[in-house]
Amino acid sequence: MKESGNIDDIISSKGVKLHYFEPSKRKIWTVVGKDNEHWLDPELDFCSCEDYYYNALSTGGQCYHLKAVKLAKEQGKVETVTFSDSEYESFISALVEDLV
């Protein structure tokens, strides 16, 4: 199955990333997909990828990026990167720039 191969590839390449900001404890999840990086909020079941907008919203399912986050969390294979709160604004700006 193609989707499970994509999920396995993402997890094995450490593509599920938790960006953790201190001391505020803010969290930003990203997943490196085939073509670019996507921002996710697993608690809201949201992903910035096209599949989320075109398929997941209409069918109520999840894109494979959200599934990859869930599986990586279960397997303890989340790549955590810690930042200072002073880096938060520039991180968000760069993330938004990549999405546009």
PDB file of N, CA and C in Angstrom:
ATOM      1  N   MET A   1       0.844  -1.182   0.000  1.00  0.00           N
ATOM      2  CA  MET A   1       0.000   0.000   0.000  1.00  0.00           C
ATOM      3  C   MET A   1       0.891   1.248   0.000  1.00  0.00           C
ATOM      4  N   LYS A   2       0.632   2.162  -0.891  1.00  0.00           N
ATOM      5  CA  LYS A   2       1.464   3.349  -1.066  1.00  0.00           C
ATOM      6  C   LYS A   2       1.492   4.217   0.188  1.00  0.00           C
ATOM      7  N   GLU A   3       0.327   4.466   0.798  1.00  0.00           N
ATOM      8  CA  GLU A   3       0.258   5.355   1.960  1.00  0.00           C
ATOM      9  C   GLU A   3       1.100   4.827   3.110  1.00  0.00           C
ATOM     10  N   SER A   4       1.022   3.532   3.397  1.00  0.00           N
ATOM     11  CA  SER A   4       1.806   3.006   4.513  1.00  0.00           C
ATOM     12  C   SER A   4       3.300   3.082   4.206  1.00  0.00           C
ATOM     13  N   GLY A   5       3.669   2.965   2.924  1.00  0.00           N
ATOM     14  CA  GLY A   5       5.068   3.138   2.539  1.00  0.00           C
ATOM     15  C   GLY A   5       5.533   4.559   2.784  1.00  0.00           C
ATOM     16  N   ASN A   6       4.673   5.532   2.456  1.00  0.00           N
ATOM     17  CA  ASN A   6       4.997   6.930   2.718  1.00  0.00           C
ATOM     18  C   ASN A   6       5.181   7.177   4.210  1.00  0.00           C
ATOM     19  N   ILE A   7       4.295   6.626   5.015  1.00  0.00           N
ATOM     20  CA  ILE A   7       4.367   6.800   6.467  1.00  0.00           C
ATOM     21  C   ILE A   7       5.657   6.182   7.000  1.00  0.00           C
ATOM     22  N   ASP A   8       5.961   4.972   6.569  1.00  0.00           N
ATOM     23  CA  ASP A   8       7.196   4.312   7.015  1.00  0.00           C
ATOM     24  C   ASP A   8       8.431   5.109   6.606  1.00  0.00           C
ATOM     25  N   ASP A   9       8.422   5.639   5.380  1.00  0.00           N
ATOM     26  CA  ASP A   9       9.549   6.449   4.895  1.00  0.00           C
ATOM     27  C   ASP A   9       9.733   7.698   5.750  1.00  0.00           C
ATOM     28  N   ILE A  10       8.631   8.359   6.067  1.00  0.00           N
ATOM     29  CA  ILE A  10       8.694   9.575   6.884  1.00  0.00           C
ATOM     30  C   ILE A  10       9.281   9.259   8.254  1.00  0.00           C
ATOM     31  N   ILE A  11       8.785   8.215   8.884  1.00  0.00           N
ATOM     32  CA  ILE A  11       9.243   7.868  10.234  1.00  0.00           C
ATOM     33  C   ILE A  11      10.698   7.423  10.215  1.00  0.00           C
ATOM     34  N   SER A  12      11.075   6.580   9.266  1.00  0.00           N
ATOM     35  CA  SER A  12      12.450   6.075   9.224  1.00  0.00           C
ATOM     36  C   SER A  12      13.464   7.171   8.890  1.00  0.00           C
ATOM     37  N   SER A  13      13.033   8.220   8.199  1.00  0.00           N
ATOM     38  CA  SER A  13      13.948   9.312   7.870  1.00  0.00           C
ATOM     39  C   SER A  13      13.895  10.443   8.903  1.00  0.00           C
ATOM     40  N   LYS A  14      13.263  10.168  10.043  1.00  0.00           N
ATOM     41  CA  LYS A  14      13.115  11.149  11.131  1.00  0.00           C
ATOM     42  C   LYS A  14      12.412  12.408  10.650  1.00  0.00           C
ATOM     43  N   GLY A  15      11.378  12.198   9.837  1.00  0.00           N
ATOM     44  CA  GLY A  15      10.636  13.307   9.253  1.00  0.00           C
ATOM     45  C   GLY A  15       9.534  13.877  10.122  1.00  0.00           C
ATOM     46  N   VAL A  16       9.219  13.211  11.237  1.00  0.00           N
ATOM     47  CA  VAL A  16       8.224  13.746  12.169  1.00  0.00           C
ATOM     48  C   VAL A  16       8.981  14.545  13.222  1.00  0.00           C
ATOM     49  N   LYS A  17       8.707  15.844  13.248  1.00  0.00           N
ATOM     50  CA  LYS A  17       9.481  16.718  14.123  1.00  0.00           C
ATOM     51  C   LYS A  17       8.572  17.498  15.070  1.00  0.00           C
ATOM     52  N   LEU A  18       8.984  17.526  16.327  1.00  0.00           N
ATOM     53  CA  LEU A  18       8.334  18.348  17.331  1.00  0.00           C
ATOM     54  C   LEU A  18       9.293  19.477  17.665  1.00  0.00           C
ATOM     55  N   HIS A  19       8.880  20.692  17.361  1.00  0.00           N
ATOM     56  CA  HIS A  19       9.682  21.879  17.660  1.00  0.00           C
ATOM     57  C   HIS A  19       9.158  22.407  18.995  1.00  0.00           C
ATOM     58  N   TYR A  20       9.996  22.346  19.994  1.00  0.00           N
ATOM     59  CA  TYR A  20       9.605  22.646  21.370  1.00  0.00           C
ATOM     60  C   TYR A  20      10.300  23.930  21.812  1.00  0.00           C
ATOM     61  N   PHE A  21       9.516  24.898  22.280  1.00  0.00           N
ATOM     62  CA  PHE A  21      10.065  26.191  22.670  1.00  0.00           C
ATOM     63  C   PHE A  21      10.051  26.339  24.185  1.00  0.00           C
ATOM     64  N   GLU A  22      11.185  26.799  24.721  1.00  0.00           N
ATOM     65  CA  GLU A  22      11.321  26.968  26.171  1.00  0.00           C
ATOM     66  C   GLU A  22      11.573  28.421  26.510  1.00  0.00           C
ATOM     67  N   PRO A  23      11.086  28.923  27.595  1.00  0.00           N
ATOM     68  CA  PRO A  23      10.397  28.205  28.667  1.00  0.00           C
ATOM     69  C   PRO A  23       8.877  28.095  28.499  1.00  0.00           C
ATOM     70  N   SER A  24       8.301  28.636  27.423  1.00  0.00           N
ATOM     71  CA  SER A  24       6.838  28.665  27.281  1.00  0.00           C
ATOM     72  C   SER A  24       6.211  27.290  27.086  1.00  0.00           C
ATOM     73  N   LYS A  25       7.001  26.309  26.629  1.00  0.00           N
ATOM     74  CA  LYS A  25       6.518  24.959  26.330  1.00  0.00           C
ATOM     75  C   LYS A  25       5.591  24.911  25.116  1.00  0.00           C
ATOM     76  N   ARG A  26       5.700  25.916  24.234  1.00  0.00           N
ATOM     77  CA  ARG A  26       4.934  25.882  22.978  1.00  0.00           C
ATOM     78  C   ARG A  26       5.462  24.743  22.116  1.00  0.00           C
ATOM     79  N   LYS A  27       4.560  24.159  21.352  1.00  0.00           N
ATOM     80  CA  LYS A  27       4.927  23.043  20.479  1.00  0.00           C
ATOM     81  C   LYS A  27       4.429  23.303  19.067  1.00  0.00           C
ATOM     82  N   ILE A  28       5.289  23.035  18.113  1.00  0.00           N
ATOM     83  CA  ILE A  28       4.902  23.083  16.706  1.00  0.00           C
ATOM     84  C   ILE A  28       5.357  21.773  16.076  1.00  0.00           C
ATOM     85  N   TRP A  29       4.421  21.074  15.463  1.00  0.00           N
ATOM     86  CA  TRP A  29       4.709  19.818  14.787  1.00  0.00           C
ATOM     87  C   TRP A  29       4.895  20.069  13.300  1.00  0.00           C
ATOM     88  N   THR A  30       5.904  19.446  12.713  1.00  0.00           N
ATOM     89  CA  THR A  30       6.061  19.462  11.261  1.00  0.00           C
ATOM     90  C   THR A  30       6.381  18.048  10.789  1.00  0.00           C
ATOM     91  N   VAL A  31       6.033  17.801   9.540  1.00  0.00           N
ATOM     92  CA  VAL A  31       6.367  16.533   8.900  1.00  0.00           C
ATOM     93  C   VAL A  31       6.976  16.855   7.548  1.00  0.00           C
ATOM     94  N   VAL A  32       8.121  16.253   7.287  1.00  0.00           N
ATOM     95  CA  VAL A  32       8.766  16.417   5.994  1.00  0.00           C
ATOM     96  C   VAL A  32       8.126  15.413   5.049  1.00  0.00           C
ATOM     97  N   GLY A  33       7.400  15.937   4.062  1.00  0.00           N
ATOM     98  CA  GLY A  33       6.723  15.091   3.091  1.00  0.00           C
ATOM     99  C   GLY A  33       7.575  14.867   1.858  1.00  0.00           C
ATOM    100  N   LYS A  34       6.939  14.383   0.794  1.00  0.00           N
ATOM    101  CA  LYS A  34       7.660  14.100  -0.459  1.00  0.00           C
ATOM    102  C   LYS A  34       8.282  15.353  -1.044  1.00  0.00           C
ATOM    103  N   ASP A  35       7.515  16.443  -1.046  1.00  0.00           N
ATOM    104  CA  ASP A  35       7.966  17.650  -1.726  1.00  0.00           C
ATOM    105  C   ASP A  35       8.350  18.790  -0.794  1.00  0.00           C
ATOM    106  N   ASN A  36       7.751  18.845   0.384  1.00  0.00           N
ATOM    107  CA  ASN A  36       8.058  19.929   1.308  1.00  0.00           C
ATOM    108  C   ASN A  36       7.649  19.577   2.731  1.00  0.00           C
ATOM    109  N   GLU A  37       7.805  20.545   3.610  1.00  0.00           N
ATOM    110  CA  GLU A  37       7.497  20.345   5.019  1.00  0.00           C
ATOM    111  C   GLU A  37       6.092  20.864   5.293  1.00  0.00           C
ATOM    112  N   HIS A  38       5.341  20.140   6.122  1.00  0.00           N
ATOM    113  CA  HIS A  38       3.968  20.518   6.432  1.00  0.00           C
ATOM    114  C   HIS A  38       3.832  20.771   7.920  1.00  0.00           C
ATOM    115  N   TRP A  39       3.037  21.778   8.256  1.00  0.00           N
ATOM    116  CA  TRP A  39       2.753  22.089   9.643  1.00  0.00           C
ATOM    117  C   TRP A  39       1.504  21.326  10.051  1.00  0.00           C
ATOM    118  N   LEU A  40       1.517  20.770  11.271  1.00  0.00           N
ATOM    119  CA  LEU A  40       0.388  19.989  11.757  1.00  0.00           C
ATOM    120  C   LEU A  40       0.025  20.391  13.176  1.00  0.00           C
ATOM    121  N   ASP A  41      -1.208  20.144  13.517  1.00  0.00           N
ATOM    122  CA  ASP A  41      -1.645  20.213  14.901  1.00  0.00           C
ATOM    123  C   ASP A  41      -2.417  18.926  15.163  1.00  0.00           C
ATOM    124  N   PRO A  42      -1.731  17.901  15.695  1.00  0.00           N
ATOM    125  CA  PRO A  42      -2.397  16.613  15.908  1.00  0.00           C
ATOM    126  C   PRO A  42      -3.604  16.699  16.832  1.00  0.00           C
ATOM    127  N   GLU A  43      -3.578  17.633  17.797  1.00  0.00           N
ATOM    128  CA  GLU A  43      -4.709  17.760  18.723  1.00  0.00           C
ATOM    129  C   GLU A  43      -5.956  18.278  18.008  1.00  0.00           C
ATOM    130  N   LEU A  44      -5.766  19.093  16.977  1.00  0.00           N
ATOM    131  CA  LEU A  44      -6.892  19.618  16.199  1.00  0.00           C
ATOM    132  C   LEU A  44      -7.155  18.801  14.941  1.00  0.00           C
ATOM    133  N   ASP A  45      -6.314  17.770  14.714  1.00  0.00           N
ATOM    134  CA  ASP A  45      -6.436  16.930  13.520  1.00  0.00           C
ATOM    135  C   ASP A  45      -6.282  17.768  12.252  1.00  0.00           C
ATOM    136  N   PHE A  46      -5.291  18.690  12.261  1.00  0.00           N
ATOM    137  CA  PHE A  46      -5.063  19.608  11.151  1.00  0.00           C
ATOM    138  C   PHE A  46      -3.694  19.378  10.524  1.00  0.00           C
ATOM    139  N   CYS A  47      -3.639  19.482   9.191  1.00  0.00           N
ATOM    140  CA  CYS A  47      -2.380  19.453   8.450  1.00  0.00           C
ATOM    141  C   CYS A  47      -2.455  20.492   7.330  1.00  0.00           C
ATOM    142  N   SER A  48      -1.319  21.091   7.009  1.00  0.00           N
ATOM    143  CA  SER A  48      -1.284  22.126   5.975  1.00  0.00           C
ATOM    144  C   SER A  48      -1.149  21.558   4.558  1.00  0.00           C
ATOM    145  N   CYS A  49      -1.133  20.243   4.402  1.00  0.00           N
ATOM    146  CA  CYS A  49      -0.935  19.652   3.070  1.00  0.00           C
ATOM    147  C   CYS A  49      -2.206  19.734   2.217  1.00  0.00           C
ATOM    148  N   GLU A  50      -2.022  19.588   0.919  1.00  0.00           N
ATOM    149  CA  GLU A  50      -3.153  19.632  -0.015  1.00  0.00           C
ATOM    150  C   GLU A  50      -4.129  18.479   0.204  1.00  0.00           C
ATOM    151  N   ASP A  51      -3.611  17.302   0.531  1.00  0.00           N
ATOM    152  CA  ASP A  51      -4.479  16.147   0.757  1.00  0.00           C
ATOM    153  C   ASP A  51      -5.469  16.423   1.880  1.00  0.00           C
ATOM    154  N   TYR A  52      -5.010  17.132   2.902  1.00  0.00           N
ATOM    155  CA  TYR A  52      -5.905  17.468   4.014  1.00  0.00           C
ATOM    156  C   TYR A  52      -7.097  18.274   3.500  1.00  0.00           C
ATOM    157  N   TYR A  53      -6.822  19.257   2.671  1.00  0.00           N
ATOM    158  CA  TYR A  53      -7.889  20.116   2.167  1.00  0.00           C
ATOM    159  C   TYR A  53      -8.785  19.408   1.161  1.00  0.00           C
ATOM    160  N   TYR A  54      -8.193  18.628   0.284  1.00  0.00           N
ATOM    161  CA  TYR A  54      -8.981  18.032  -0.797  1.00  0.00           C
ATOM    162  C   TYR A  54      -9.660  16.720  -0.422  1.00  0.00           C
ATOM    163  N   ASN A  55      -9.037  15.949   0.450  1.00  0.00           N
ATOM    164  CA  ASN A  55      -9.602  14.638   0.771  1.00  0.00           C
ATOM    165  C   ASN A  55     -10.057  14.514   2.218  1.00  0.00           C
ATOM    166  N   ALA A  56      -9.182  14.851   3.144  1.00  0.00           N
ATOM    167  CA  ALA A  56      -9.495  14.631   4.551  1.00  0.00           C
ATOM    168  C   ALA A  56     -10.712  15.431   4.999  1.00  0.00           C
ATOM    169  N   LEU A  57     -10.804  16.682   4.573  1.00  0.00           N
ATOM    170  CA  LEU A  57     -11.958  17.487   4.976  1.00  0.00           C
ATOM    171  C   LEU A  57     -13.260  16.946   4.396  1.00  0.00           C
ATOM    172  N   SER A  58     -13.226  16.452   3.164  1.00  0.00           N
ATOM    173  CA  SER A  58     -14.464  15.969   2.542  1.00  0.00           C
ATOM    174  C   SER A  58     -14.847  14.564   3.006  1.00  0.00           C
ATOM    175  N   THR A  59     -13.853  13.721   3.326  1.00  0.00           N
ATOM    176  CA  THR A  59     -14.169  12.345   3.727  1.00  0.00           C
ATOM    177  C   THR A  59     -14.122  12.137   5.235  1.00  0.00           C
ATOM    178  N   GLY A  60     -13.549  13.105   5.951  1.00  0.00           N
ATOM    179  CA  GLY A  60     -13.435  12.961   7.398  1.00  0.00           C
ATOM    180  C   GLY A  60     -12.246  12.110   7.811  1.00  0.00           C
ATOM    181  N   GLY A  61     -11.419  11.705   6.851  1.00  0.00           N
ATOM    182  CA  GLY A  61     -10.250  10.896   7.162  1.00  0.00           C
ATOM    183  C   GLY A  61      -9.049  11.756   7.510  1.00  0.00           C
ATOM    184  N   GLN A  62      -7.920  11.109   7.672  1.00  0.00           N
ATOM    185  CA  GLN A  62      -6.678  11.812   7.967  1.00  0.00           C
ATOM    186  C   GLN A  62      -5.719  11.680   6.798  1.00  0.00           C
ATOM    187  N   CYS A  63      -4.927  12.714   6.577  1.00  0.00           N
ATOM    188  CA  CYS A  63      -3.862  12.609   5.587  1.00  0.00           C
ATOM    189  C   CYS A  63      -2.747  11.743   6.171  1.00  0.00           C
ATOM    190  N   TYR A  64      -1.833  11.298   5.326  1.00  0.00           N
ATOM    191  CA  TYR A  64      -0.788  10.406   5.835  1.00  0.00           C
ATOM    192  C   TYR A  64       0.215  11.120   6.735  1.00  0.00           C
ATOM    193  N   HIS A  65       0.274  12.447   6.679  1.00  0.00           N
ATOM    194  CA  HIS A  65       1.167  13.179   7.579  1.00  0.00           C
ATOM    195  C   HIS A  65       0.663  13.065   9.021  1.00  0.00           C
ATOM    196  N   LEU A  66      -0.654  13.235   9.208  1.00  0.00           N
ATOM    197  CA  LEU A  66      -1.231  13.087  10.547  1.00  0.00           C
ATOM    198  C   LEU A  66      -1.081  11.653  11.052  1.00  0.00           C
ATOM    199  N   LYS A  67      -1.253  10.700  10.155  1.00  0.00           N
ATOM    200  CA  LYS A  67      -1.078   9.297  10.543  1.00  0.00           C
ATOM    201  C   LYS A  67       0.375   9.032  10.930  1.00  0.00           C
ATOM    202  N   ALA A  68       1.309   9.672  10.222  1.00  0.00           N
ATOM    203  CA  ALA A  68       2.741   9.503  10.534  1.00  0.00           C
ATOM    204  C   ALA A  68       3.067  10.046  11.918  1.00  0.00           C
ATOM    205  N   VAL A  69       2.477  11.186  12.283  1.00  0.00           N
ATOM    206  CA  VAL A  69       2.713  11.748  13.616  1.00  0.00           C
ATOM    207  C   VAL A  69       2.204  10.787  14.681  1.00  0.00           C
ATOM    208  N   LYS A  70       0.997  10.289  14.491  1.00  0.00           N
ATOM    209  CA  LYS A  70       0.415   9.363  15.469  1.00  0.00           C
ATOM    210  C   LYS A  70       1.294   8.126  15.642  1.00  0.00           C
ATOM    211  N   LEU A  71       1.715   7.536  14.544  1.00  0.00           N
ATOM    212  CA  LEU A  71       2.531   6.327  14.598  1.00  0.00           C
ATOM    213  C   LEU A  71       3.916   6.611  15.184  1.00  0.00           C
ATOM    214  N   ALA A  72       4.515   7.727  14.800  1.00  0.00           N
ATOM    215  CA  ALA A  72       5.839   8.087  15.333  1.00  0.00           C
ATOM    216  C   ALA A  72       5.761   8.298  16.845  1.00  0.00           C
ATOM    217  N   LYS A  73       4.682   8.904  17.324  1.00  0.00           N
ATOM    218  CA  LYS A  73       4.502   9.085  18.766  1.00  0.00           C
ATOM    219  C   LYS A  73       4.381   7.732  19.455  1.00  0.00           C
ATOM    220  N   GLU A  74       3.584   6.833  18.873  1.00  0.00           N
ATOM    221  CA  GLU A  74       3.403   5.497  19.447  1.00  0.00           C
ATOM    222  C   GLU A  74       4.720   4.719  19.493  1.00  0.00           C
ATOM    223  N   GLN A  75       5.558   4.905  18.472  1.00  0.00           N
ATOM    224  CA  GLN A  75       6.824   4.169  18.373  1.00  0.00           C
ATOM    225  C   GLN A  75       7.993   4.892  19.051  1.00  0.00           C
ATOM    226  N   GLY A  76       7.739   6.088  19.579  1.00  0.00           N
ATOM    227  CA  GLY A  76       8.807   6.860  20.203  1.00  0.00           C
ATOM    228  C   GLY A  76       9.851   7.327  19.195  1.00  0.00           C
ATOM    229  N   LYS A  77       9.421   7.634  17.983  1.00  0.00           N
ATOM    230  CA  LYS A  77      10.354   8.025  16.918  1.00  0.00           C
ATOM    231  C   LYS A  77      10.119   9.460  16.451  1.00  0.00           C
ATOM    232  N   VAL A  78       9.794  10.327  17.389  1.00  0.00           N
ATOM    233  CA  VAL A  78       9.610  11.738  17.079  1.00  0.00           C
ATOM    234  C   VAL A  78      10.950  12.438  17.280  1.00  0.00           C
ATOM    235  N   GLU A  79      11.341  13.221  16.307  1.00  0.00           N
ATOM    236  CA  GLU A  79      12.571  14.011  16.386  1.00  0.00           C
ATOM    237  C   GLU A  79      12.214  15.330  17.091  1.00  0.00           C
ATOM    238  N   THR A  80      12.697  15.512  18.315  1.00  0.00           N
ATOM    239  CA  THR A  80      12.390  16.726  19.075  1.00  0.00           C
ATOM    240  C   THR A  80      13.543  17.714  18.953  1.00  0.00           C
ATOM    241  N   VAL A  81      13.194  18.936  18.584  1.00  0.00           N
ATOM    242  CA  VAL A  81      14.180  20.006  18.437  1.00  0.00           C
ATOM    243  C   VAL A  81      13.764  21.112  19.399  1.00  0.00           C
ATOM    244  N   THR A  82      14.665  21.483  20.306  1.00  0.00           N
ATOM    245  CA  THR A  82      14.352  22.485  21.316  1.00  0.00           C
ATOM    246  C   THR A  82      14.890  23.855  20.898  1.00  0.00           C
ATOM    247  N   PHE A  83      14.039  24.852  21.062  1.00  0.00           N
ATOM    248  CA  PHE A  83      14.382  26.236  20.731  1.00  0.00           C
ATOM    249  C   PHE A  83      14.111  27.121  21.934  1.00  0.00           C
ATOM    250  N   SER A  84      14.671  28.293  21.893  1.00  0.00           N
ATOM    251  CA  SER A  84      14.370  29.324  22.875  1.00  0.00           C
ATOM    252  C   SER A  84      13.125  30.081  22.401  1.00  0.00           C
ATOM    253  N   ASP A  85      12.351  30.597  23.349  1.00  0.00           N
ATOM    254  CA  ASP A  85      11.177  31.390  22.977  1.00  0.00           C
ATOM    255  C   ASP A  85      11.551  32.582  22.104  1.00  0.00           C
ATOM    256  N   SER A  86      12.756  33.084  22.253  1.00  0.00           N
ATOM    257  CA  SER A  86      13.175  34.231  21.439  1.00  0.00           C
ATOM    258  C   SER A  86      13.260  33.871  19.956  1.00  0.00           C
ATOM    259  N   GLU A  87      13.297  32.582  19.628  1.00  0.00           N
ATOM    260  CA  GLU A  87      13.366  32.125  18.240  1.00  0.00           C
ATOM    261  C   GLU A  87      11.989  31.837  17.639  1.00  0.00           C
ATOM    262  N   TYR A  88      10.951  31.916  18.467  1.00  0.00           N
ATOM    263  CA  TYR A  88       9.607  31.536  18.044  1.00  0.00           C
ATOM    264  C   TYR A  88       9.108  32.361  16.854  1.00  0.00           C
ATOM    265  N   GLU A  89       9.215  33.667  16.956  1.00  0.00           N
ATOM    266  CA  GLU A  89       8.687  34.532  15.895  1.00  0.00           C
ATOM    267  C   GLU A  89       9.376  34.268  14.554  1.00  0.00           C
ATOM    268  N   SER A  90      10.686  34.153  14.559  1.00  0.00           N
ATOM    269  CA  SER A  90      11.392  33.900  13.298  1.00  0.00           C
ATOM    270  C   SER A  90      11.075  32.500  12.769  1.00  0.00           C
ATOM    271  N   PHE A  91      10.870  31.534  13.658  1.00  0.00           N
ATOM    272  CA  PHE A  91      10.497  30.180  13.231  1.00  0.00           C
ATOM    273  C   PHE A  91       9.137  30.206  12.535  1.00  0.00           C
ATOM    274  N   ILE A  92       8.174  30.871  13.143  1.00  0.00           N
ATOM    275  CA  ILE A  92       6.832  30.967  12.563  1.00  0.00           C
ATOM    276  C   ILE A  92       6.882  31.688  11.223  1.00  0.00           C
ATOM    277  N   SER A  93       7.641  32.752  11.147  1.00  0.00           N
ATOM    278  CA  SER A  93       7.772  33.490   9.885  1.00  0.00           C
ATOM    279  C   SER A  93       8.337  32.603   8.784  1.00  0.00           C
ATOM    280  N   ALA A  94       9.364  31.846   9.110  1.00  0.00           N
ATOM    281  CA  ALA A  94       9.969  30.945   8.120  1.00  0.00           C
ATOM    282  C   ALA A  94       8.990  29.848   7.706  1.00  0.00           C
ATOM    283  N   LEU A  95       8.249  29.334   8.662  1.00  0.00           N
ATOM    284  CA  LEU A  95       7.271  28.286   8.376  1.00  0.00           C
ATOM    285  C   LEU A  95       6.172  28.798   7.447  1.00  0.00           C
ATOM    286  N   VAL A  96       5.666  29.970   7.739  1.00  0.00           N
ATOM    287  CA  VAL A  96       4.616  30.570   6.903  1.00  0.00           C
ATOM    288  C   VAL A  96       5.164  30.861   5.507  1.00  0.00           C
ATOM    289  N   GLU A  97       6.378  31.371   5.441  1.00  0.00           N
ATOM    290  CA  GLU A  97       7.012  31.671   4.150  1.00  0.00           C
ATOM    291  C   GLU A  97       7.098  30.400   3.291  1.00  0.00           C
ATOM    292  N   ASP A  98       7.430  29.280   3.912  1.00  0.00           N
ATOM    293  CA  ASP A  98       7.516  28.009   3.185  1.00  0.00           C
ATOM    294  C   ASP A  98       6.155  27.543   2.686  1.00  0.00           C
ATOM    295  N   LEU A  99       5.110  27.875   3.402  1.00  0.00           N
ATOM    296  CA  LEU A  99       3.772  27.435   3.033  1.00  0.00           C
ATOM    297  C   LEU A  99       3.199  28.235   1.863  1.00  0.00           C
ATOM    298  N   VAL A 100       3.684  29.445   1.708  1.00  0.00           N
ATOM    299  CA  VAL A 100       3.126  30.341   0.678  1.00  0.00           C
ATOM    300  C   VAL A 100       3.733  30.099  -0.651  1.00  0.00           C
TER     301      VAL A 100
END
